[in-house]
Amino acid sequence: MMQIEGTIMTLHTDAASVAAALSPDNLRSMETKADGNRVVTTITGTQARSVIASVDDYLMNLAVAEDACSLRTGKTNR
């Protein structure tokens, strides 16, 4: 069986808040943590389509979390 694993790293003014906002939406195959000013998410799976769908969902959730956290701090990362 094929194992697929990928890591997404993004920079944020308040990475801890963004990671905390993302974590509740993580599937069992995902792990999100803050590392300094970065949010690091690892996604694993055995089917390419499922991993791609998880990445797509994660990126949408990331955009929402980033927007919500920037409203709190008044700073944007874009």
PDB file of N, CA and C in Angstrom:
ATOM      1  N   MET A   1       0.842  -1.166   0.000  1.00  0.00           N
ATOM      2  CA  MET A   1       0.000   0.000   0.000  1.00  0.00           C
ATOM      3  C   MET A   1       0.899   1.246   0.000  1.00  0.00           C
ATOM      4  N   MET A   2       0.543   2.217  -0.817  1.00  0.00           N
ATOM      5  CA  MET A   2       1.303   3.457  -0.929  1.00  0.00           C
ATOM      6  C   MET A   2       0.974   4.377   0.246  1.00  0.00           C
ATOM      7  N   GLN A   3       1.995   5.014   0.815  1.00  0.00           N
ATOM      8  CA  GLN A   3       1.797   6.005   1.885  1.00  0.00           C
ATOM      9  C   GLN A   3       2.223   7.357   1.339  1.00  0.00           C
ATOM     10  N   ILE A   4       1.341   8.337   1.419  1.00  0.00           N
ATOM     11  CA  ILE A   4       1.612   9.697   0.951  1.00  0.00           C
ATOM     12  C   ILE A   4       1.687  10.598   2.165  1.00  0.00           C
ATOM     13  N   GLU A   5       2.702  11.464   2.189  1.00  0.00           N
ATOM     14  CA  GLU A   5       2.843  12.412   3.287  1.00  0.00           C
ATOM     15  C   GLU A   5       3.361  13.728   2.726  1.00  0.00           C
ATOM     16  N   GLY A   6       2.788  14.811   3.192  1.00  0.00           N
ATOM     17  CA  GLY A   6       3.231  16.133   2.779  1.00  0.00           C
ATOM     18  C   GLY A   6       3.118  17.113   3.926  1.00  0.00           C
ATOM     19  N   THR A   7       3.941  18.135   3.871  1.00  0.00           N
ATOM     20  CA  THR A   7       3.935  19.166   4.905  1.00  0.00           C
ATOM     21  C   THR A   7       3.717  20.520   4.256  1.00  0.00           C
ATOM     22  N   ILE A   8       2.827  21.301   4.845  1.00  0.00           N
ATOM     23  CA  ILE A   8       2.553  22.665   4.401  1.00  0.00           C
ATOM     24  C   ILE A   8       3.032  23.589   5.509  1.00  0.00           C
ATOM     25  N   MET A   9       3.904  24.549   5.156  1.00  0.00           N
ATOM     26  CA  MET A   9       4.397  25.532   6.125  1.00  0.00           C
ATOM     27  C   MET A   9       4.037  26.924   5.622  1.00  0.00           C
ATOM     28  N   THR A  10       3.417  27.715   6.487  1.00  0.00           N
ATOM     29  CA  THR A  10       3.035  29.078   6.137  1.00  0.00           C
ATOM     30  C   THR A  10       3.473  30.029   7.241  1.00  0.00           C
ATOM     31  N   LEU A  11       3.799  31.268   6.864  1.00  0.00           N
ATOM     32  CA  LEU A  11       4.240  32.287   7.813  1.00  0.00           C
ATOM     33  C   LEU A  11       3.065  33.140   8.261  1.00  0.00           C
ATOM     34  N   HIS A  12       3.055  33.481   9.566  1.00  0.00           N
ATOM     35  CA  HIS A  12       1.953  34.265  10.127  1.00  0.00           C
ATOM     36  C   HIS A  12       2.464  35.187  11.225  1.00  0.00           C
ATOM     37  N   THR A  13       1.823  36.311  11.381  1.00  0.00           N
ATOM     38  CA  THR A  13       2.138  37.230  12.466  1.00  0.00           C
ATOM     39  C   THR A  13       1.846  36.579  13.811  1.00  0.00           C
ATOM     40  N   ASP A  14       0.745  35.855  13.900  1.00  0.00           N
ATOM     41  CA  ASP A  14       0.349  35.165  15.131  1.00  0.00           C
ATOM     42  C   ASP A  14       0.095  33.696  14.805  1.00  0.00           C
ATOM     43  N   ALA A  15       1.178  32.960  14.587  1.00  0.00           N
ATOM     44  CA  ALA A  15       1.068  31.562  14.155  1.00  0.00           C
ATOM     45  C   ALA A  15       0.348  30.695  15.180  1.00  0.00           C
ATOM     46  N   ALA A  16       0.549  30.962  16.459  1.00  0.00           N
ATOM     47  CA  ALA A  16      -0.104  30.149  17.487  1.00  0.00           C
ATOM     48  C   ALA A  16      -1.624  30.251  17.386  1.00  0.00           C
ATOM     49  N   SER A  17      -2.131  31.448  17.147  1.00  0.00           N
ATOM     50  CA  SER A  17      -3.585  31.625  17.022  1.00  0.00           C
ATOM     51  C   SER A  17      -4.127  30.963  15.761  1.00  0.00           C
ATOM     52  N   VAL A  18      -3.399  31.088  14.660  1.00  0.00           N
ATOM     53  CA  VAL A  18      -3.842  30.472  13.411  1.00  0.00           C
ATOM     54  C   VAL A  18      -3.850  28.950  13.565  1.00  0.00           C
ATOM     55  N   ALA A  19      -2.792  28.382  14.153  1.00  0.00           N
ATOM     56  CA  ALA A  19      -2.733  26.931  14.360  1.00  0.00           C
ATOM     57  C   ALA A  19      -3.864  26.463  15.270  1.00  0.00           C
ATOM     58  N   ALA A  20      -4.147  27.227  16.314  1.00  0.00           N
ATOM     59  CA  ALA A  20      -5.232  26.865  17.229  1.00  0.00           C
ATOM     60  C   ALA A  20      -6.585  26.922  16.523  1.00  0.00           C
ATOM     61  N   ALA A  21      -6.760  27.884  15.628  1.00  0.00           N
ATOM     62  CA  ALA A  21      -8.019  27.994  14.887  1.00  0.00           C
ATOM     63  C   ALA A  21      -8.172  26.842  13.889  1.00  0.00           C
ATOM     64  N   LEU A  22      -7.077  26.345  13.349  1.00  0.00           N
ATOM     65  CA  LEU A  22      -7.129  25.258  12.368  1.00  0.00           C
ATOM     66  C   LEU A  22      -7.308  23.876  12.990  1.00  0.00           C
ATOM     67  N   SER A  23      -6.729  23.655  14.127  1.00  0.00           N
ATOM     68  CA  SER A  23      -6.669  22.318  14.733  1.00  0.00           C
ATOM     69  C   SER A  23      -8.019  21.621  14.888  1.00  0.00           C
ATOM     70  N   PRO A  24      -9.088  22.308  15.282  1.00  0.00           N
ATOM     71  CA  PRO A  24     -10.367  21.598  15.435  1.00  0.00           C
ATOM     72  C   PRO A  24     -10.893  20.976  14.134  1.00  0.00           C
ATOM     73  N   ASP A  25     -10.471  21.515  12.993  1.00  0.00           N
ATOM     74  CA  ASP A  25     -10.939  20.989  11.708  1.00  0.00           C
ATOM     75  C   ASP A  25     -10.055  19.876  11.160  1.00  0.00           C
ATOM     76  N   ASN A  26      -8.956  19.575  11.843  1.00  0.00           N
ATOM     77  CA  ASN A  26      -8.052  18.531  11.366  1.00  0.00           C
ATOM     78  C   ASN A  26      -8.716  17.162  11.387  1.00  0.00           C
ATOM     79  N   LEU A  27      -8.441  16.394  10.357  1.00  0.00           N
ATOM     80  CA  LEU A  27      -8.836  14.995  10.318  1.00  0.00           C
ATOM     81  C   LEU A  27      -7.788  14.186  11.072  1.00  0.00           C
ATOM     82  N   ARG A  28      -8.041  12.901  11.282  1.00  0.00           N
ATOM     83  CA  ARG A  28      -7.065  12.046  11.970  1.00  0.00           C
ATOM     84  C   ARG A  28      -5.753  11.965  11.211  1.00  0.00           C
ATOM     85  N   SER A  29      -5.789  12.214   9.918  1.00  0.00           N
ATOM     86  CA  SER A  29      -4.592  12.126   9.081  1.00  0.00           C
ATOM     87  C   SER A  29      -3.820  13.448   9.013  1.00  0.00           C
ATOM     88  N   MET A  30      -4.191  14.406   9.849  1.00  0.00           N
ATOM     89  CA  MET A  30      -3.568  15.736   9.812  1.00  0.00           C
ATOM     90  C   MET A  30      -3.066  16.123  11.196  1.00  0.00           C
ATOM     91  N   GLU A  31      -1.945  16.842  11.207  1.00  0.00           N
ATOM     92  CA  GLU A  31      -1.414  17.399  12.450  1.00  0.00           C
ATOM     93  C   GLU A  31      -0.976  18.827  12.169  1.00  0.00           C
ATOM     94  N   THR A  32      -1.447  19.764  12.975  1.00  0.00           N
ATOM     95  CA  THR A  32      -1.102  21.172  12.822  1.00  0.00           C
ATOM     96  C   THR A  32      -0.485  21.679  14.107  1.00  0.00           C
ATOM     97  N   LYS A  33       0.610  22.447  13.958  1.00  0.00           N
ATOM     98  CA  LYS A  33       1.253  23.039  15.130  1.00  0.00           C
ATOM     99  C   LYS A  33       1.897  24.359  14.730  1.00  0.00           C
ATOM    100  N   ALA A  34       2.105  25.214  15.717  1.00  0.00           N
ATOM    101  CA  ALA A  34       2.833  26.460  15.507  1.00  0.00           C
ATOM    102  C   ALA A  34       4.296  26.204  15.825  1.00  0.00           C
ATOM    103  N   ASP A  35       5.174  26.781  15.025  1.00  0.00           N
ATOM    104  CA  ASP A  35       6.620  26.681  15.234  1.00  0.00           C
ATOM    105  C   ASP A  35       7.199  28.065  14.964  1.00  0.00           C
ATOM    106  N   GLY A  36       7.301  28.866  16.036  1.00  0.00           N
ATOM    107  CA  GLY A  36       7.740  30.250  15.850  1.00  0.00           C
ATOM    108  C   GLY A  36       6.672  31.029  15.118  1.00  0.00           C
ATOM    109  N   ASN A  37       7.054  31.622  13.979  1.00  0.00           N
ATOM    110  CA  ASN A  37       6.085  32.389  13.188  1.00  0.00           C
ATOM    111  C   ASN A  37       5.503  31.556  12.043  1.00  0.00           C
ATOM    112  N   ARG A  38       5.672  30.234  12.107  1.00  0.00           N
ATOM    113  CA  ARG A  38       5.159  29.341  11.074  1.00  0.00           C
ATOM    114  C   ARG A  38       4.059  28.436  11.622  1.00  0.00           C
ATOM    115  N   VAL A  39       3.106  28.133  10.750  1.00  0.00           N
ATOM    116  CA  VAL A  39       2.137  27.071  11.015  1.00  0.00           C
ATOM    117  C   VAL A  39       2.576  25.900  10.147  1.00  0.00           C
ATOM    118  N   VAL A  40       2.772  24.756  10.775  1.00  0.00           N
ATOM    119  CA  VAL A  40       3.254  23.562  10.086  1.00  0.00           C
ATOM    120  C   VAL A  40       2.166  22.497  10.175  1.00  0.00           C
ATOM    121  N   THR A  41       1.702  22.040   9.019  1.00  0.00           N
ATOM    122  CA  THR A  41       0.681  20.995   8.976  1.00  0.00           C
ATOM    123  C   THR A  41       1.180  19.836   8.133  1.00  0.00           C
ATOM    124  N   THR A  42       1.083  18.645   8.687  1.00  0.00           N
ATOM    125  CA  THR A  42       1.451  17.423   7.971  1.00  0.00           C
ATOM    126  C   THR A  42       0.175  16.646   7.682  1.00  0.00           C
ATOM    127  N   ILE A  43       0.051  16.229   6.437  1.00  0.00           N
ATOM    128  CA  ILE A  43      -1.116  15.475   5.993  1.00  0.00           C
ATOM    129  C   ILE A  43      -0.623  14.138   5.442  1.00  0.00           C
ATOM    130  N   THR A  44      -1.232  13.050   5.881  1.00  0.00           N
ATOM    131  CA  THR A  44      -0.858  11.723   5.402  1.00  0.00           C
ATOM    132  C   THR A  44      -2.086  10.993   4.873  1.00  0.00           C
ATOM    133  N   GLY A  45      -1.847   9.997   4.060  1.00  0.00           N
ATOM    134  CA  GLY A  45      -2.936   9.183   3.542  1.00  0.00           C
ATOM    135  C   GLY A  45      -2.413   8.090   2.650  1.00  0.00           C
ATOM    136  N   THR A  46      -3.313   7.264   2.178  1.00  0.00           N
ATOM    137  CA  THR A  46      -2.932   6.160   1.297  1.00  0.00           C
ATOM    138  C   THR A  46      -3.502   6.322  -0.109  1.00  0.00           C
ATOM    139  N   GLN A  47      -4.385   7.298  -0.298  1.00  0.00           N
ATOM    140  CA  GLN A  47      -4.963   7.537  -1.623  1.00  0.00           C
ATOM    141  C   GLN A  47      -4.731   8.982  -2.019  1.00  0.00           C
ATOM    142  N   ALA A  48      -4.159   9.177  -3.206  1.00  0.00           N
ATOM    143  CA  ALA A  48      -3.810  10.509  -3.672  1.00  0.00           C
ATOM    144  C   ALA A  48      -5.024  11.445  -3.696  1.00  0.00           C
ATOM    145  N   ARG A  49      -6.156  10.969  -4.145  1.00  0.00           N
ATOM    146  CA  ARG A  49      -7.353  11.819  -4.217  1.00  0.00           C
ATOM    147  C   ARG A  49      -7.780  12.312  -2.838  1.00  0.00           C
ATOM    148  N   SER A  50      -7.697  11.447  -1.852  1.00  0.00           N
ATOM    149  CA  SER A  50      -8.074  11.843  -0.487  1.00  0.00           C
ATOM    150  C   SER A  50      -7.105  12.875   0.075  1.00  0.00           C
ATOM    151  N   VAL A  51      -5.816  12.686  -0.179  1.00  0.00           N
ATOM    152  CA  VAL A  51      -4.816  13.645   0.291  1.00  0.00           C
ATOM    153  C   VAL A  51      -5.018  14.997  -0.390  1.00  0.00           C
ATOM    154  N   ILE A  52      -5.264  14.981  -1.686  1.00  0.00           N
ATOM    155  CA  ILE A  52      -5.506  16.224  -2.427  1.00  0.00           C
ATOM    156  C   ILE A  52      -6.747  16.927  -1.897  1.00  0.00           C
ATOM    157  N   ALA A  53      -7.804  16.187  -1.632  1.00  0.00           N
ATOM    158  CA  ALA A  53      -9.027  16.776  -1.079  1.00  0.00           C
ATOM    159  C   ALA A  53      -8.758  17.367   0.302  1.00  0.00           C
ATOM    160  N   SER A  54      -7.959  16.675   1.113  1.00  0.00           N
ATOM    161  CA  SER A  54      -7.617  17.188   2.446  1.00  0.00           C
ATOM    162  C   SER A  54      -6.807  18.472   2.350  1.00  0.00           C
ATOM    163  N   VAL A  55      -5.871  18.525   1.410  1.00  0.00           N
ATOM    164  CA  VAL A  55      -5.072  19.740   1.210  1.00  0.00           C
ATOM    165  C   VAL A  55      -5.982  20.889   0.770  1.00  0.00           C
ATOM    166  N   ASP A  56      -6.886  20.612  -0.141  1.00  0.00           N
ATOM    167  CA  ASP A  56      -7.818  21.639  -0.616  1.00  0.00           C
ATOM    168  C   ASP A  56      -8.667  22.186   0.532  1.00  0.00           C
ATOM    169  N   ASP A  57      -9.226  21.300   1.345  1.00  0.00           N
ATOM    170  CA  ASP A  57     -10.018  21.729   2.509  1.00  0.00           C
ATOM    171  C   ASP A  57      -9.165  22.523   3.490  1.00  0.00           C
ATOM    172  N   TYR A  58      -7.951  22.039   3.736  1.00  0.00           N
ATOM    173  CA  TYR A  58      -7.049  22.716   4.670  1.00  0.00           C
ATOM    174  C   TYR A  58      -6.754  24.141   4.198  1.00  0.00           C
ATOM    175  N   LEU A  59      -6.474  24.316   2.908  1.00  0.00           N
ATOM    176  CA  LEU A  59      -6.142  25.653   2.406  1.00  0.00           C
ATOM    177  C   LEU A  59      -7.325  26.615   2.552  1.00  0.00           C
ATOM    178  N   MET A  60      -8.529  26.122   2.364  1.00  0.00           N
ATOM    179  CA  MET A  60      -9.714  26.963   2.572  1.00  0.00           C
ATOM    180  C   MET A  60      -9.838  27.328   4.049  1.00  0.00           C
ATOM    181  N   ASN A  61      -9.659  26.351   4.926  1.00  0.00           N
ATOM    182  CA  ASN A  61      -9.715  26.609   6.371  1.00  0.00           C
ATOM    183  C   ASN A  61      -8.607  27.560   6.799  1.00  0.00           C
ATOM    184  N   LEU A  62      -7.436  27.434   6.186  1.00  0.00           N
ATOM    185  CA  LEU A  62      -6.316  28.314   6.491  1.00  0.00           C
ATOM    186  C   LEU A  62      -6.662  29.762   6.156  1.00  0.00           C
ATOM    187  N   ALA A  63      -7.263  29.989   5.012  1.00  0.00           N
ATOM    188  CA  ALA A  63      -7.638  31.344   4.619  1.00  0.00           C
ATOM    189  C   ALA A  63      -8.633  31.944   5.613  1.00  0.00           C
ATOM    190  N   VAL A  64      -9.600  31.154   6.042  1.00  0.00           N
ATOM    191  CA  VAL A  64     -10.598  31.637   7.008  1.00  0.00           C
ATOM    192  C   VAL A  64      -9.941  31.910   8.360  1.00  0.00           C
ATOM    193  N   ALA A  65      -9.094  30.988   8.814  1.00  0.00           N
ATOM    194  CA  ALA A  65      -8.418  31.162  10.107  1.00  0.00           C
ATOM    195  C   ALA A  65      -7.513  32.388  10.089  1.00  0.00           C
ATOM    196  N   GLU A  66      -6.795  32.567   9.002  1.00  0.00           N
ATOM    197  CA  GLU A  66      -5.910  33.722   8.879  1.00  0.00           C
ATOM    198  C   GLU A  66      -6.708  35.029   8.913  1.00  0.00           C
ATOM    199  N   ASP A  67      -7.818  35.065   8.188  1.00  0.00           N
ATOM    200  CA  ASP A  67      -8.667  36.261   8.192  1.00  0.00           C
ATOM    201  C   ASP A  67      -9.226  36.532   9.589  1.00  0.00           C
ATOM    202  N   ALA A  68      -9.707  35.504  10.248  1.00  0.00           N
ATOM    203  CA  ALA A  68     -10.277  35.677  11.586  1.00  0.00           C
ATOM    204  C   ALA A  68      -9.216  36.158  12.574  1.00  0.00           C
ATOM    205  N   CYS A  69      -8.035  35.601  12.507  1.00  0.00           N
ATOM    206  CA  CYS A  69      -6.970  36.001  13.433  1.00  0.00           C
ATOM    207  C   CYS A  69      -6.456  37.399  13.119  1.00  0.00           C
ATOM    208  N   SER A  70      -6.462  37.787  11.850  1.00  0.00           N
ATOM    209  CA  SER A  70      -6.008  39.137  11.507  1.00  0.00           C
ATOM    210  C   SER A  70      -7.018  40.188  11.971  1.00  0.00           C
ATOM    211  N   LEU A  71      -8.296  39.829  12.040  1.00  0.00           N
ATOM    212  CA  LEU A  71      -9.293  40.760  12.572  1.00  0.00           C
ATOM    213  C   LEU A  71      -9.026  41.047  14.046  1.00  0.00           C
ATOM    214  N   ARG A  72      -8.583  40.011  14.756  1.00  0.00           N
ATOM    215  CA  ARG A  72      -8.299  40.147  16.185  1.00  0.00           C
ATOM    216  C   ARG A  72      -7.080  41.029  16.423  1.00  0.00           C
ATOM    217  N   THR A  73      -6.045  40.852  15.586  1.00  0.00           N
ATOM    218  CA  THR A  73      -4.805  41.596  15.792  1.00  0.00           C
ATOM    219  C   THR A  73      -4.737  42.882  14.975  1.00  0.00           C
ATOM    220  N   GLY A  74      -5.574  42.993  13.959  1.00  0.00           N
ATOM    221  CA  GLY A  74      -5.535  44.165  13.090  1.00  0.00           C
ATOM    222  C   GLY A  74      -4.427  44.096  12.056  1.00  0.00           C
ATOM    223  N   LYS A  75      -3.728  42.942  11.962  1.00  0.00           N
ATOM    224  CA  LYS A  75      -2.633  42.770  11.021  1.00  0.00           C
ATOM    225  C   LYS A  75      -2.986  41.690  10.036  1.00  0.00           C
ATOM    226  N   THR A  76      -2.570  41.861   8.775  1.00  0.00           N
ATOM    227  CA  THR A  76      -2.801  40.840   7.768  1.00  0.00           C
ATOM    228  C   THR A  76      -1.474  40.267   7.326  1.00  0.00           C
ATOM    229  N   ASN A  77      -1.529  39.061   6.792  1.00  0.00           N
ATOM    230  CA  ASN A  77      -0.324  38.383   6.291  1.00  0.00           C
ATOM    231  C   ASN A  77      -0.260  38.408   4.768  1.00  0.00           C
ATOM    232  N   ARG A  78      -1.210  39.077   4.148  1.00  0.00           N
ATOM    233  CA  ARG A  78      -1.264  39.068   2.677  1.00  0.00           C
ATOM    234  C   ARG A  78      -0.713  40.343   2.118  1.00  0.00           C
TER     235      ARG A  78
END
